[in-house]
Amino acid sequence: MTARRVRESGPPRTAAAPELVDSGFALENADAPFLHRGLNLADMGHVLDLARRGLVPDDARQAVLALLLEADATPAEDFPYDPELGEPYNSREAYFVSRIGDAAGWLHAGRPRREAVRIALRLHIRRQIVELISDTARFGLAAVDRAEEHAETVMPDQTYLQHAQPSTFGHYVLSFVYSAVRDAERLLGELDWVDASPGGAGCVNGTRLLTDREFIASTLGFSDVIEHTRDAMWQVDGLIAVLATSSSLLTTFCKLAEDLEIWSSSEFDYVDLDDGYTRASVLMPQKRNPYALSIIRGASGVLIGRLAGFLAVTKSPSARSDNLIYAYGEVPRALDLAVRIARLSAGVVRTLRVNTDRLAEEVRGGYTQATDLAEYLVQSCDVDYRTAYLIVGRTVRAASRAGVRGVAITGEMIDEAAVEHRGTPLGVAGRDLSAVLDPWQIVLSRDARGGASPDALARMTTSLRARLEGLAASAADRLAGYDTAEDALLAAARQGSGQHPSGPHPSGPHRSGGAR
């Protein structure tokens, strides 16, 4: 009978292999700036939670809290994160032990490393999401302003880059606000997922040291506690939703950017970007490239790639670190990029110059009134729409060959096309068709809900402005709540460390939504 091999257990006895340091720990330490402040706050909250239960000695509590306050006042780039010592949490532990000895071990009581890092990630990205909602609202308000400014700027709206129907630039640009608002509202809902605490979950089933999980949640400013402890440690679906919504938002900006890039060309000449959003060619003196639009378009592709990459990582079995190791950097970087692009898009829209004369010339020179003309024949000549459609199609073809603009089509031309199609005229010769063919009159007729008329547009801009201002206010309220909770936590930590509770606290970069 073969003796069963005794498998050695316990922590490693040797240093990490250099390949692991280079390929794993170094990459994780590169994400430390996103987690640094959250780790300090999570650690402070944990020590205060232990202290209120009488689990940590007073001298150890004071020493640990004083060190954490010092770490919190130290920018991440100046903190001694060292990949040779492991990922950021282990690197911090080694430094803390070198400073205060085994008292630093109280940070692990009833808590695995992943709990602190999960909390730190949520603390960081909740601010980024609030920032993204705020900047999306700014984009929307800038677009609403332009829509109101161009409520009477007639243009040929397009599908497939082909003239479709007469509309206004205001109606066109407002279409992008609705999708941006929906994504901002989704982000506000997803913020509720982020704003729930995994604290006190232990590894999978909690810890005997903490009999409730609400204290750490309220101390860190979370609005709720994640119910199931195993789920609390390993859930990623909310991160997928945040990345998906951010990707969706940037596709909206990308659609607008692609239109504007075409429309700013000399072939179209519909719009011009402000100089500040362009870049000169170093070779060709005449060129002023719409560089900002390339940035927006490329960023959309980058976020789609990050979403796909994260989805590929998260399909592993449950309770695996690879679900989240990459999230600590990928999600904050994606949100940081989304914030930057929202701001860039708002600037482009806010400063965009619209060539109103060129748009008016184009809409009067084409045949965008063809649909209205067909509908007029249905209403006034007792014919079905297919027949009207085919007759107007023949009329437009003949007009274009003869160089007759759409606004100059006559009843005689329509009757001639009707004879060709069905053998008899419609009897519209001699009629005044100017109101049917005039692009501005067509716009005025679109007064139903969502239409392009100035009155319909005004109803939409009023409603959208209220929604956007509500989103901005909700984001500001959330941010104020986070600031209040964190200030209270710092004050409690100072008091617990023996320092004056109203002493100086970090500001500036510590309050920012993303690592810049």
Protein backbone atom coordinates (compact mmCIF):
# COMPACT_ATOMS: atom_id res chain seq x y z
CA MET A 1 0.00 0.00 0.00
CA THR A 2 1.44 3.36 -1.05
CA ALA A 3 1.76 5.90 1.74
CA ARG A 4 -0.29 9.06 1.15
CA ARG A 5 1.89 12.12 0.58
CA VAL A 6 1.59 14.73 3.30
CA ARG A 7 0.75 18.02 1.62
CA GLU A 8 2.41 21.00 3.27
CA SER A 9 0.06 23.79 4.33
CA GLY A 10 0.60 27.27 5.70
CA PRO A 11 1.97 30.50 4.23
CA PRO A 12 4.94 30.47 1.82
CA ARG A 13 8.36 30.39 3.48
CA THR A 14 10.26 32.04 0.65
CA ALA A 15 10.02 35.33 -1.19
CA ALA A 16 7.82 35.69 -4.25
CA ALA A 17 9.36 34.60 -7.52
CA PRO A 18 10.62 37.54 -9.61
CA GLU A 19 8.26 36.56 -12.42
CA LEU A 20 5.31 36.84 -10.04
CA VAL A 21 6.55 40.20 -8.82
CA ASP A 22 6.92 41.51 -12.38
CA SER A 23 3.73 40.08 -13.86
CA GLY A 24 1.42 40.26 -10.85
CA PHE A 25 2.40 42.38 -7.88
CA ALA A 26 3.88 45.19 -9.99
CA LEU A 27 0.66 45.48 -11.98
CA GLU A 28 -1.45 45.45 -8.83
CA ASN A 29 0.73 48.11 -7.20
CA ALA A 30 0.22 50.26 -10.27
CA ASP A 31 -3.45 50.35 -9.24
CA ALA A 32 -2.61 51.52 -5.70
CA PRO A 33 -3.40 55.20 -6.44
CA PHE A 34 -7.04 54.24 -7.04
CA LEU A 35 -7.27 52.36 -3.73
CA HIS A 36 -4.95 54.31 -1.42
CA ARG A 37 -7.44 56.62 0.23
CA GLY A 38 -10.16 54.00 0.40
CA LEU A 39 -7.81 51.53 2.07
CA ASN A 40 -6.92 54.11 4.70
CA LEU A 41 -10.57 54.91 5.37
CA ALA A 42 -11.59 51.24 5.42
CA ASP A 43 -8.79 50.47 7.90
CA MET A 44 -9.80 53.37 10.14
CA GLY A 45 -13.40 52.24 10.16
CA HIS A 46 -12.37 48.67 10.98
CA VAL A 47 -10.18 49.72 13.92
CA LEU A 48 -12.96 51.95 15.29
CA ASP A 49 -15.38 49.03 14.95
CA LEU A 50 -13.05 46.74 16.91
CA ALA A 51 -12.45 49.45 19.51
CA ARG A 52 -16.15 50.01 20.22
CA ARG A 53 -16.42 46.31 21.01
CA GLY A 54 -13.46 46.48 23.38
CA LEU A 55 -11.40 44.09 21.24
CA VAL A 56 -8.34 46.24 20.60
CA PRO A 57 -6.16 47.63 23.44
CA ASP A 58 -6.08 51.39 23.79
CA ASP A 59 -2.38 51.74 23.04
CA ALA A 60 -2.68 49.61 19.89
CA ARG A 61 -5.78 51.54 18.77
CA GLN A 62 -3.97 54.85 19.16
CA ALA A 63 -0.86 53.64 17.36
CA VAL A 64 -2.73 52.12 14.43
CA LEU A 65 -5.07 55.08 13.96
CA ALA A 66 -2.21 57.58 14.15
CA LEU A 67 -0.32 55.63 11.49
CA LEU A 68 -3.40 55.41 9.26
CA LEU A 69 -3.96 59.17 9.54
CA GLU A 70 -0.35 59.68 8.55
CA ALA A 71 -0.80 57.33 5.59
CA ASP A 72 -3.95 59.17 4.56
CA ALA A 73 -2.07 62.47 4.55
CA THR A 74 0.59 60.90 2.31
CA PRO A 75 -0.11 60.99 -1.45
CA ALA A 76 -0.22 57.53 -2.98
CA GLU A 77 2.82 58.24 -5.13
CA ASP A 78 4.85 59.00 -1.97
CA PHE A 79 3.69 55.98 0.00
CA PRO A 80 6.24 53.10 0.01
CA TYR A 81 4.26 50.61 -2.08
CA ASP A 82 6.75 47.91 -3.02
CA PRO A 83 5.93 45.02 -5.39
CA GLU A 84 8.70 42.95 -3.76
CA LEU A 85 6.48 42.84 -0.67
CA GLY A 86 3.35 41.78 -2.55
CA GLU A 87 0.23 43.51 -3.80
CA PRO A 88 -0.81 46.86 -2.25
CA TYR A 89 -2.44 45.42 0.87
CA ASN A 90 0.57 43.25 1.76
CA SER A 91 2.91 46.11 0.88
CA ARG A 92 1.04 48.33 3.34
CA GLU A 93 1.13 45.63 6.00
CA ALA A 94 4.92 45.27 5.72
CA TYR A 95 5.35 49.03 6.07
CA PHE A 96 2.96 49.26 9.02
CA VAL A 97 4.71 46.40 10.83
CA SER A 98 8.04 48.12 10.28
CA ARG A 99 6.62 51.21 11.96
CA ILE A 100 4.57 49.89 14.90
CA GLY A 101 5.28 46.17 15.07
CA ASP A 102 2.63 43.54 15.71
CA ALA A 103 0.03 46.14 16.67
CA ALA A 104 -0.50 46.52 12.93
CA GLY A 105 -1.96 43.01 12.97
CA TRP A 106 -5.22 44.33 14.41
CA LEU A 107 -6.07 45.41 10.88
CA HIS A 108 -6.56 41.72 9.99
CA ALA A 109 -8.76 40.79 12.95
CA GLY A 110 -11.96 39.28 11.54
CA ARG A 111 -11.20 40.60 8.06
CA PRO A 112 -9.41 39.23 4.97
CA ARG A 113 -7.42 41.55 2.74
CA ARG A 114 -10.08 41.40 0.07
CA GLU A 115 -12.64 43.09 2.31
CA ALA A 116 -10.51 46.21 2.68
CA VAL A 117 -9.78 46.30 -1.04
CA ARG A 118 -13.42 45.71 -2.04
CA ILE A 119 -14.42 48.61 0.20
CA ALA A 120 -11.64 50.82 -1.16
CA LEU A 121 -12.75 50.17 -4.74
CA ARG A 122 -16.34 51.11 -3.95
CA LEU A 123 -15.28 54.27 -2.12
CA HIS A 124 -13.27 55.33 -5.14
CA ILE A 125 -15.66 54.52 -7.96
CA ARG A 126 -18.73 55.93 -6.22
CA ARG A 127 -17.07 59.36 -6.45
CA GLN A 128 -16.18 58.72 -10.08
CA ILE A 129 -19.76 57.76 -10.91
CA VAL A 130 -21.05 60.91 -9.23
CA GLU A 131 -18.52 62.89 -11.26
CA LEU A 132 -19.61 61.19 -14.49
CA ILE A 133 -23.28 61.91 -13.75
CA SER A 134 -22.45 65.57 -13.09
CA ASP A 135 -20.43 65.93 -16.30
CA THR A 136 -23.09 64.16 -18.34
CA ALA A 137 -25.62 66.64 -16.97
CA ARG A 138 -23.30 69.47 -18.07
CA PHE A 139 -23.12 67.99 -21.56
CA GLY A 140 -26.90 67.71 -21.65
CA LEU A 141 -27.43 71.28 -20.48
CA ALA A 142 -24.94 72.57 -23.06
CA ALA A 143 -26.81 70.67 -25.78
CA VAL A 144 -30.16 71.99 -24.52
CA ASP A 145 -28.79 75.53 -24.74
CA ARG A 146 -27.71 74.94 -28.34
CA ALA A 147 -31.07 73.36 -29.18
CA GLU A 148 -32.89 76.45 -27.91
CA GLU A 149 -30.46 78.69 -29.81
CA HIS A 150 -31.08 76.78 -33.06
CA ALA A 151 -34.78 76.04 -32.68
CA GLU A 152 -35.38 77.84 -36.00
CA THR A 153 -32.19 76.82 -37.82
CA VAL A 154 -33.69 74.77 -40.64
CA MET A 155 -31.59 71.91 -41.97
CA PRO A 156 -31.98 68.70 -43.98
CA ASP A 157 -31.96 65.95 -41.37
CA GLN A 158 -30.34 62.77 -42.64
CA THR A 159 -30.48 59.02 -42.50
CA TYR A 160 -27.59 57.04 -44.00
CA LEU A 161 -26.00 60.43 -44.78
CA GLN A 162 -28.84 61.04 -47.27
CA HIS A 163 -31.31 63.91 -47.05
CA ALA A 164 -34.43 62.72 -45.24
CA GLN A 165 -36.83 65.47 -44.09
CA PRO A 166 -36.66 69.14 -43.17
CA SER A 167 -35.85 69.66 -39.51
CA THR A 168 -33.85 72.03 -37.33
CA PHE A 169 -30.37 71.82 -35.90
CA GLY A 170 -31.97 72.27 -32.48
CA HIS A 171 -34.12 69.18 -32.94
CA TYR A 172 -31.14 67.23 -34.22
CA VAL A 173 -28.77 68.02 -31.36
CA LEU A 174 -31.48 67.45 -28.75
CA SER A 175 -31.77 63.81 -29.83
CA PHE A 176 -28.40 63.07 -28.18
CA VAL A 177 -29.52 64.48 -24.86
CA TYR A 178 -32.21 61.88 -24.33
CA SER A 179 -29.84 58.91 -24.54
CA ALA A 180 -27.27 60.71 -22.36
CA VAL A 181 -29.94 61.41 -19.74
CA ARG A 182 -31.07 57.79 -19.74
CA ASP A 183 -27.52 56.60 -19.17
CA ALA A 184 -26.98 59.16 -16.40
CA GLU A 185 -30.18 57.94 -14.73
CA ARG A 186 -28.94 54.36 -15.07
CA LEU A 187 -25.65 55.37 -13.47
CA LEU A 188 -27.56 56.92 -10.60
CA GLY A 189 -29.35 53.58 -10.11
CA GLU A 190 -26.08 51.65 -10.39
CA LEU A 191 -24.62 53.96 -7.77
CA ASP A 192 -26.99 52.31 -5.30
CA TRP A 193 -25.21 49.00 -6.00
CA VAL A 194 -21.79 50.58 -5.51
CA ASP A 195 -22.96 52.43 -2.40
CA ALA A 196 -23.53 49.26 -0.38
CA SER A 197 -20.99 47.97 2.14
CA PRO A 198 -19.28 44.55 1.97
CA GLY A 199 -17.78 45.27 5.40
CA GLY A 200 -17.96 42.57 8.07
CA ALA A 201 -18.44 39.79 5.51
CA GLY A 202 -15.29 37.94 6.49
CA CYS A 203 -14.09 35.47 3.89
CA VAL A 204 -17.42 33.87 2.95
CA ASN A 205 -19.66 33.63 6.01
CA GLY A 206 -18.85 36.54 8.31
CA THR A 207 -16.79 36.65 11.51
CA ARG A 208 -17.43 35.96 15.18
CA LEU A 209 -15.67 39.22 16.09
CA LEU A 210 -18.38 41.46 14.59
CA THR A 211 -21.98 40.85 15.54
CA ASP A 212 -23.41 43.50 13.25
CA ARG A 213 -22.27 45.03 9.96
CA GLU A 214 -24.12 48.33 10.08
CA PHE A 215 -21.48 50.31 12.00
CA ILE A 216 -18.77 50.00 9.37
CA ALA A 217 -21.31 50.78 6.63
CA SER A 218 -22.56 53.99 8.26
CA THR A 219 -19.05 55.03 9.28
CA LEU A 220 -17.89 54.88 5.67
CA GLY A 221 -21.00 56.62 4.36
CA PHE A 222 -22.54 53.61 2.65
CA SER A 223 -26.31 53.74 2.29
CA ASP A 224 -26.81 49.99 2.75
CA VAL A 225 -25.15 46.67 3.62
CA ILE A 226 -24.77 43.88 1.07
CA GLU A 227 -27.00 41.16 2.48
CA HIS A 228 -25.28 37.86 1.73
CA THR A 229 -21.70 37.66 3.04
CA ARG A 230 -20.33 35.39 0.30
CA ASP A 231 -22.01 37.49 -2.36
CA ALA A 232 -20.61 40.62 -0.69
CA MET A 233 -17.06 39.42 -1.21
CA TRP A 234 -17.33 38.17 -4.78
CA GLN A 235 -20.09 40.01 -6.66
CA VAL A 236 -19.10 41.69 -9.93
CA ASP A 237 -22.38 42.14 -11.78
CA GLY A 238 -22.68 45.75 -10.67
CA LEU A 239 -19.24 46.54 -12.04
CA ILE A 240 -20.27 45.03 -15.37
CA ALA A 241 -23.37 47.23 -15.36
CA VAL A 242 -21.31 50.36 -14.61
CA LEU A 243 -18.89 49.57 -17.43
CA ALA A 244 -21.74 48.78 -19.83
CA THR A 245 -23.59 52.01 -19.07
CA SER A 246 -20.39 54.05 -19.35
CA SER A 247 -19.71 52.39 -22.70
CA SER A 248 -23.25 53.17 -23.83
CA LEU A 249 -22.83 56.80 -22.80
CA LEU A 250 -19.63 57.13 -24.79
CA THR A 251 -21.25 55.58 -27.86
CA THR A 252 -23.74 58.46 -27.73
CA PHE A 253 -20.89 60.96 -27.67
CA CYS A 254 -19.22 58.96 -30.45
CA LYS A 255 -22.29 59.10 -32.71
CA LEU A 256 -22.41 62.86 -32.36
CA ALA A 257 -18.65 63.14 -32.92
CA GLU A 258 -18.84 61.06 -36.10
CA ASP A 259 -21.62 63.26 -37.48
CA LEU A 260 -19.75 66.44 -36.62
CA GLU A 261 -16.52 65.17 -38.17
CA ILE A 262 -18.32 64.66 -41.48
CA TRP A 263 -20.30 67.88 -41.20
CA SER A 264 -17.19 69.95 -40.44
CA SER A 265 -15.55 68.84 -43.69
CA SER A 266 -15.30 71.29 -46.58
CA GLU A 267 -17.63 69.01 -48.56
CA PHE A 268 -20.46 69.62 -46.07
CA ASP A 269 -19.44 72.81 -44.23
CA TYR A 270 -22.39 72.55 -41.84
CA VAL A 271 -20.42 73.23 -38.64
CA ASP A 272 -17.03 74.43 -37.42
CA LEU A 273 -15.29 73.39 -34.24
CA ASP A 274 -13.85 76.07 -32.02
CA ASP A 275 -10.07 76.42 -32.45
CA GLY A 276 -9.49 75.03 -28.97
CA TYR A 277 -10.87 71.64 -30.03
CA THR A 278 -8.82 71.31 -33.22
CA ARG A 279 -5.22 70.55 -34.14
CA ALA A 280 -3.13 71.89 -37.01
CA SER A 281 -1.43 69.69 -39.55
CA VAL A 282 2.35 69.95 -39.29
CA LEU A 283 2.71 69.46 -43.05
CA MET A 284 -0.33 71.04 -44.70
CA PRO A 285 -0.84 74.69 -43.68
CA GLN A 286 -4.45 74.83 -44.80
CA LYS A 287 -5.66 72.00 -42.53
CA ARG A 288 -7.37 72.39 -39.17
CA ASN A 289 -8.28 68.90 -38.03
CA PRO A 290 -11.23 68.24 -35.66
CA TYR A 291 -8.92 66.41 -33.26
CA ALA A 292 -11.29 66.42 -30.29
CA LEU A 293 -13.73 64.29 -32.28
CA SER A 294 -11.04 61.65 -32.88
CA ILE A 295 -10.41 61.50 -29.14
CA ILE A 296 -14.11 60.97 -28.45
CA ARG A 297 -14.46 58.28 -31.10
CA GLY A 298 -11.37 56.41 -29.97
CA ALA A 299 -12.34 56.53 -26.31
CA SER A 300 -15.66 54.88 -27.11
CA GLY A 301 -13.79 51.95 -28.64
CA VAL A 302 -11.46 51.73 -25.65
CA LEU A 303 -14.38 51.46 -23.22
CA ILE A 304 -16.08 48.80 -25.31
CA GLY A 305 -12.82 46.84 -25.20
CA ARG A 306 -12.52 47.22 -21.44
CA LEU A 307 -16.09 46.02 -20.97
CA ALA A 308 -15.45 42.97 -23.16
CA GLY A 309 -12.17 42.23 -21.40
CA PHE A 310 -13.73 42.45 -17.95
CA LEU A 311 -16.59 40.19 -18.99
CA ALA A 312 -14.04 37.63 -20.17
CA VAL A 313 -12.25 37.76 -16.80
CA THR A 314 -15.39 37.43 -14.69
CA LYS A 315 -16.62 34.18 -16.24
CA SER A 316 -14.36 32.16 -13.89
CA PRO A 317 -15.78 29.91 -11.13
CA SER A 318 -17.11 31.64 -8.03
CA ALA A 319 -14.89 32.93 -5.22
CA ARG A 320 -11.86 33.50 -7.41
CA SER A 321 -9.57 36.49 -7.12
CA ASP A 322 -9.22 36.93 -10.87
CA ASN A 323 -12.83 38.20 -10.85
CA LEU A 324 -11.63 41.37 -9.18
CA ILE A 325 -7.83 41.68 -9.38
CA TYR A 326 -8.14 43.42 -12.73
CA ALA A 327 -11.21 45.38 -11.71
CA TYR A 328 -9.18 47.47 -9.27
CA GLY A 329 -7.48 49.19 -12.19
CA GLU A 330 -9.74 48.62 -15.19
CA VAL A 331 -12.95 50.03 -13.72
CA PRO A 332 -11.45 53.25 -12.31
CA ARG A 333 -9.47 53.83 -15.50
CA ALA A 334 -12.58 53.31 -17.61
CA LEU A 335 -14.60 55.71 -15.48
CA ASP A 336 -11.81 58.27 -15.48
CA LEU A 337 -11.74 58.15 -19.29
CA ALA A 338 -15.53 58.43 -19.44
CA VAL A 339 -15.45 61.54 -17.25
CA ARG A 340 -12.83 63.16 -19.45
CA ILE A 341 -14.81 62.40 -22.61
CA ALA A 342 -18.05 63.73 -21.11
CA ARG A 343 -16.26 67.00 -20.36
CA LEU A 344 -14.70 67.11 -23.82
CA SER A 345 -18.04 66.46 -25.50
CA ALA A 346 -19.68 69.22 -23.47
CA GLY A 347 -16.97 71.63 -24.55
CA VAL A 348 -17.33 70.71 -28.21
CA VAL A 349 -21.09 71.25 -28.14
CA ARG A 350 -20.91 74.42 -26.07
CA THR A 351 -18.50 76.14 -28.50
CA LEU A 352 -19.66 74.65 -31.81
CA ARG A 353 -20.32 77.12 -34.63
CA VAL A 354 -23.29 76.23 -36.84
CA ASN A 355 -23.31 77.48 -40.42
CA THR A 356 -26.98 78.43 -40.60
CA ASP A 357 -26.77 79.89 -44.12
CA ARG A 358 -25.21 76.71 -45.47
CA LEU A 359 -27.87 74.53 -43.84
CA ALA A 360 -30.66 76.73 -45.22
CA GLU A 361 -29.12 76.62 -48.68
CA GLU A 362 -28.86 72.83 -48.55
CA VAL A 363 -32.40 72.21 -47.35
CA ARG A 364 -33.89 74.53 -50.02
CA GLY A 365 -31.78 72.97 -52.75
CA GLY A 366 -32.79 69.39 -52.13
CA TYR A 367 -35.93 67.27 -52.03
CA THR A 368 -36.54 66.71 -48.32
CA GLN A 369 -40.17 67.80 -48.77
CA ALA A 370 -40.96 64.71 -50.88
CA THR A 371 -42.56 62.80 -47.99
CA ASP A 372 -44.82 65.74 -47.12
CA LEU A 373 -45.78 66.09 -50.77
CA ALA A 374 -46.80 62.41 -50.92
CA GLU A 375 -48.83 62.80 -47.73
CA TYR A 376 -50.51 65.91 -49.18
CA LEU A 377 -51.59 63.89 -52.24
CA VAL A 378 -53.06 61.23 -49.95
CA GLN A 379 -55.03 63.90 -48.09
CA SER A 380 -56.23 65.89 -51.08
CA CYS A 381 -56.39 63.55 -54.09
CA ASP A 382 -58.02 60.41 -52.72
CA VAL A 383 -55.11 58.10 -53.53
CA ASP A 384 -53.35 55.49 -51.40
CA TYR A 385 -49.88 56.21 -50.07
CA ARG A 386 -48.09 53.75 -52.36
CA THR A 387 -49.55 55.45 -55.42
CA ALA A 388 -48.68 58.89 -54.04
CA TYR A 389 -45.18 57.67 -53.18
CA LEU A 390 -44.53 56.41 -56.71
CA ILE A 391 -45.91 59.56 -58.35
CA VAL A 392 -43.79 61.85 -56.17
CA GLY A 393 -40.77 59.63 -56.84
CA ARG A 394 -41.25 60.12 -60.59
CA THR A 395 -41.74 63.85 -60.05
CA VAL A 396 -38.53 64.21 -58.03
CA ARG A 397 -36.55 62.21 -60.59
CA ALA A 398 -37.74 64.47 -63.37
CA ALA A 399 -37.12 67.61 -61.33
CA SER A 400 -33.56 66.59 -60.47
CA ARG A 401 -32.79 65.87 -64.13
CA ALA A 402 -34.19 69.26 -65.11
CA GLY A 403 -32.36 71.11 -62.31
CA VAL A 404 -35.62 72.12 -60.60
CA ARG A 405 -35.34 72.39 -56.82
CA GLY A 406 -37.84 70.72 -54.54
CA VAL A 407 -39.39 74.02 -53.46
CA ALA A 408 -40.12 74.80 -57.15
CA ILE A 409 -42.02 71.60 -58.03
CA THR A 410 -45.36 72.41 -59.66
CA GLY A 411 -48.74 70.75 -59.86
CA GLU A 412 -48.21 70.31 -63.59
CA MET A 413 -45.07 68.25 -62.94
CA ILE A 414 -47.00 66.05 -60.52
CA ASP A 415 -49.88 65.51 -62.95
CA GLU A 416 -47.41 64.60 -65.69
CA ALA A 417 -45.85 61.98 -63.40
CA ALA A 418 -49.33 60.70 -62.48
CA VAL A 419 -50.20 60.21 -66.14
CA GLU A 420 -46.96 58.26 -66.64
CA HIS A 421 -47.71 56.07 -63.63
CA ARG A 422 -51.46 55.43 -63.83
CA GLY A 423 -52.63 56.99 -67.09
CA THR A 424 -54.63 59.86 -65.53
CA PRO A 425 -53.64 63.11 -63.76
CA LEU A 426 -54.43 63.87 -60.13
CA GLY A 427 -55.80 67.32 -60.92
CA VAL A 428 -53.24 69.36 -58.97
CA ALA A 429 -52.11 71.52 -61.89
CA GLY A 430 -52.44 75.20 -61.03
CA ARG A 431 -52.51 74.63 -57.26
CA ASP A 432 -50.34 76.73 -54.94
CA LEU A 433 -48.04 74.14 -53.35
CA SER A 434 -45.70 76.59 -51.61
CA ALA A 435 -46.93 75.75 -48.08
CA VAL A 436 -46.54 72.02 -48.79
CA LEU A 437 -43.04 72.39 -50.22
CA ASP A 438 -41.56 75.08 -47.96
CA PRO A 439 -39.15 73.47 -45.45
CA TRP A 440 -39.96 75.94 -42.69
CA GLN A 441 -43.70 75.38 -43.06
CA ILE A 442 -43.04 71.65 -42.85
CA VAL A 443 -41.11 72.17 -39.61
CA LEU A 444 -43.94 74.26 -38.18
CA SER A 445 -46.38 71.45 -38.93
CA ARG A 446 -44.44 69.08 -36.65
CA ASP A 447 -46.09 70.23 -33.44
CA ALA A 448 -46.97 66.81 -32.06
CA ARG A 449 -45.08 65.55 -29.04
CA GLY A 450 -41.39 65.18 -29.88
CA GLY A 451 -41.66 67.07 -33.15
CA ALA A 452 -39.33 69.66 -34.62
CA SER A 453 -41.55 72.74 -34.40
CA PRO A 454 -40.28 75.46 -32.05
CA ASP A 455 -43.20 74.91 -29.67
CA ALA A 456 -42.67 71.14 -29.52
CA LEU A 457 -38.95 71.68 -29.06
CA ALA A 458 -39.56 74.15 -26.24
CA ARG A 459 -41.66 71.58 -24.39
CA MET A 460 -38.83 69.06 -24.67
CA THR A 461 -36.08 71.45 -23.62
CA THR A 462 -38.08 72.51 -20.56
CA SER A 463 -38.59 68.89 -19.52
CA LEU A 464 -35.00 67.89 -20.23
CA ARG A 465 -33.57 70.86 -18.37
CA ALA A 466 -35.51 69.82 -15.28
CA ARG A 467 -34.29 66.22 -15.54
CA LEU A 468 -30.69 67.32 -16.05
CA GLU A 469 -30.78 69.75 -13.16
CA GLY A 470 -32.29 66.99 -11.02
CA LEU A 471 -29.45 64.64 -11.95
CA ALA A 472 -26.86 67.30 -11.12
CA ALA A 473 -28.55 67.98 -7.77
CA SER A 474 -28.70 64.26 -6.92
CA ALA A 475 -25.02 63.89 -7.75
CA ALA A 476 -24.14 66.92 -5.61
CA ASP A 477 -26.18 65.54 -2.70
CA ARG A 478 -24.43 62.17 -2.92
CA LEU A 479 -21.03 63.83 -3.01
CA ALA A 480 -21.85 66.02 -0.02
CA GLY A 481 -22.94 62.91 1.89
CA TYR A 482 -19.66 61.15 1.12
CA ASP A 483 -17.69 64.20 2.23
CA THR A 484 -19.64 64.46 5.48
CA ALA A 485 -19.17 60.77 6.31
CA GLU A 486 -15.46 60.82 5.54
CA ASP A 487 -14.89 63.99 7.54
CA ALA A 488 -16.69 62.44 10.50
CA LEU A 489 -14.61 59.26 10.16
CA LEU A 490 -11.37 61.24 10.12
CA ALA A 491 -12.47 63.20 13.19
CA ALA A 492 -13.29 59.95 15.02
CA ALA A 493 -9.93 58.49 13.99
CA ARG A 494 -8.08 61.54 15.30
CA GLN A 495 -9.93 61.30 18.57
CA GLY A 496 -9.20 57.58 18.79
CA SER A 497 -5.52 58.23 18.11
CA GLY A 498 -5.31 60.88 20.81
CA GLN A 499 -5.13 63.76 18.31
CA HIS A 500 -7.47 66.73 18.31
CA PRO A 501 -10.58 65.66 16.34
CA SER A 502 -10.85 68.99 14.51
CA GLY A 503 -7.31 68.91 13.17
CA PRO A 504 -6.42 69.30 9.49
CA HIS A 505 -7.76 66.78 7.05
CA PRO A 506 -6.76 65.84 3.52
CA SER A 507 -8.28 67.79 0.68
CA GLY A 508 -7.54 68.44 -2.97
CA PRO A 509 -6.54 65.22 -4.76
CA HIS A 510 -7.97 63.05 -1.97
CA ARG A 511 -11.42 64.38 -2.80
CA SER A 512 -11.16 63.81 -6.54
CA GLY A 513 -13.15 61.17 -8.32
CA GLY A 514 -10.26 59.69 -10.28
CA ALA A 515 -6.53 59.32 -10.24
CA ARG A 516 -5.24 61.77 -12.79
